[in-house]
Amino acid sequence: MLSERGRGWNIVRRLASRVDTSSSPGGGKVVRAEVAAPLPRPVRARRPDRQVVG
């Protein structure tokens, strides 16, 4: 049977360009991951010869 645990860390490591972990004072762990956001697509100007006549 396949385990349902432990997959998240592999996903984070593959997607992130940088990962930092530290212990939390109350117990547990803090994970900070840096993931690059995709650049927005440039907006293309409308061509003046394609006007809608109505």
C-alpha atoms as a PDB file:
ATOM      1  CA  MET A   1       0.000   0.000   0.000  1.00  0.00           C
ATOM      2  CA  LEU A   2       1.350   3.463  -0.922  1.00  0.00           C
ATOM      3  CA  SER A   3       1.911   5.941   1.862  1.00  0.00           C
ATOM      4  CA  GLU A   4      -0.208   9.109   1.881  1.00  0.00           C
ATOM      5  CA  ARG A   5       2.400  11.009   3.907  1.00  0.00           C
ATOM      6  CA  GLY A   6       5.691  12.662   3.048  1.00  0.00           C
ATOM      7  CA  ARG A   7       4.909  13.897  -0.455  1.00  0.00           C
ATOM      8  CA  GLY A   8       4.642  17.596   0.365  1.00  0.00           C
ATOM      9  CA  TRP A   9       8.325  18.084   1.139  1.00  0.00           C
ATOM     10  CA  ASN A  10       9.346  16.634  -2.248  1.00  0.00           C
ATOM     11  CA  ILE A  11       6.886  18.935  -4.032  1.00  0.00           C
ATOM     12  CA  VAL A  12       8.164  22.009  -2.172  1.00  0.00           C
ATOM     13  CA  ARG A  13      11.790  21.161  -2.932  1.00  0.00           C
ATOM     14  CA  ARG A  14      11.076  20.710  -6.653  1.00  0.00           C
ATOM     15  CA  LEU A  15       9.054  23.914  -7.046  1.00  0.00           C
ATOM     16  CA  ALA A  16      11.075  26.254  -4.838  1.00  0.00           C
ATOM     17  CA  SER A  17      14.326  27.914  -5.789  1.00  0.00           C
ATOM     18  CA  ARG A  18      15.139  28.330  -2.086  1.00  0.00           C
ATOM     19  CA  VAL A  19      13.863  26.637   1.078  1.00  0.00           C
ATOM     20  CA  ASP A  20      14.673  27.526   4.700  1.00  0.00           C
ATOM     21  CA  THR A  21      13.493  25.623   7.747  1.00  0.00           C
ATOM     22  CA  SER A  22      13.711  26.435  11.441  1.00  0.00           C
ATOM     23  CA  SER A  23      12.276  25.154  14.697  1.00  0.00           C
ATOM     24  CA  SER A  24       9.286  26.944  16.129  1.00  0.00           C
ATOM     25  CA  PRO A  25       9.514  28.054  19.796  1.00  0.00           C
ATOM     26  CA  GLY A  26       6.223  26.299  20.586  1.00  0.00           C
ATOM     27  CA  GLY A  27       7.295  23.097  18.863  1.00  0.00           C
ATOM     28  CA  GLY A  28       7.000  22.127  15.269  1.00  0.00           C
ATOM     29  CA  LYS A  29       8.751  23.584  12.251  1.00  0.00           C
ATOM     30  CA  VAL A  30       8.617  26.766  10.170  1.00  0.00           C
ATOM     31  CA  VAL A  31       9.223  26.362   6.435  1.00  0.00           C
ATOM     32  CA  ARG A  32       9.857  29.295   4.105  1.00  0.00           C
ATOM     33  CA  ALA A  33       9.950  28.588   0.366  1.00  0.00           C
ATOM     34  CA  GLU A  34      10.804  30.983  -2.439  1.00  0.00           C
ATOM     35  CA  VAL A  35       8.907  30.255  -5.642  1.00  0.00           C
ATOM     36  CA  ALA A  36       9.263  32.395  -8.761  1.00  0.00           C
ATOM     37  CA  ALA A  37       5.987  33.828 -10.033  1.00  0.00           C
ATOM     38  CA  PRO A  38       5.393  33.689 -13.787  1.00  0.00           C
ATOM     39  CA  LEU A  39       5.748  36.999 -15.606  1.00  0.00           C
ATOM     40  CA  PRO A  40       2.479  38.499 -16.836  1.00  0.00           C
ATOM     41  CA  ARG A  41       1.838  38.269 -20.561  1.00  0.00           C
ATOM     42  CA  PRO A  42       2.369  41.544 -22.427  1.00  0.00           C
ATOM     43  CA  VAL A  43      -0.805  43.292 -23.523  1.00  0.00           C
ATOM     44  CA  ARG A  44      -1.029  43.466 -27.292  1.00  0.00           C
ATOM     45  CA  ALA A  45      -2.393  46.671 -28.776  1.00  0.00           C
ATOM     46  CA  ARG A  46      -5.401  46.389 -31.055  1.00  0.00           C
ATOM     47  CA  ARG A  47      -4.777  46.995 -34.697  1.00  0.00           C
ATOM     48  CA  PRO A  48      -6.674  50.079 -35.934  1.00  0.00           C
ATOM     49  CA  ASP A  49      -7.785  48.290 -39.140  1.00  0.00           C
ATOM     50  CA  ARG A  50      -9.802  45.744 -37.122  1.00  0.00           C
ATOM     51  CA  GLN A  51     -12.570  47.954 -35.809  1.00  0.00           C
ATOM     52  CA  VAL A  52     -16.011  46.550 -35.096  1.00  0.00           C
ATOM     53  CA  VAL A  53     -18.761  48.310 -37.027  1.00  0.00           C
ATOM     54  CA  GLY A  54     -22.196  48.004 -35.548  1.00  0.00           C
END
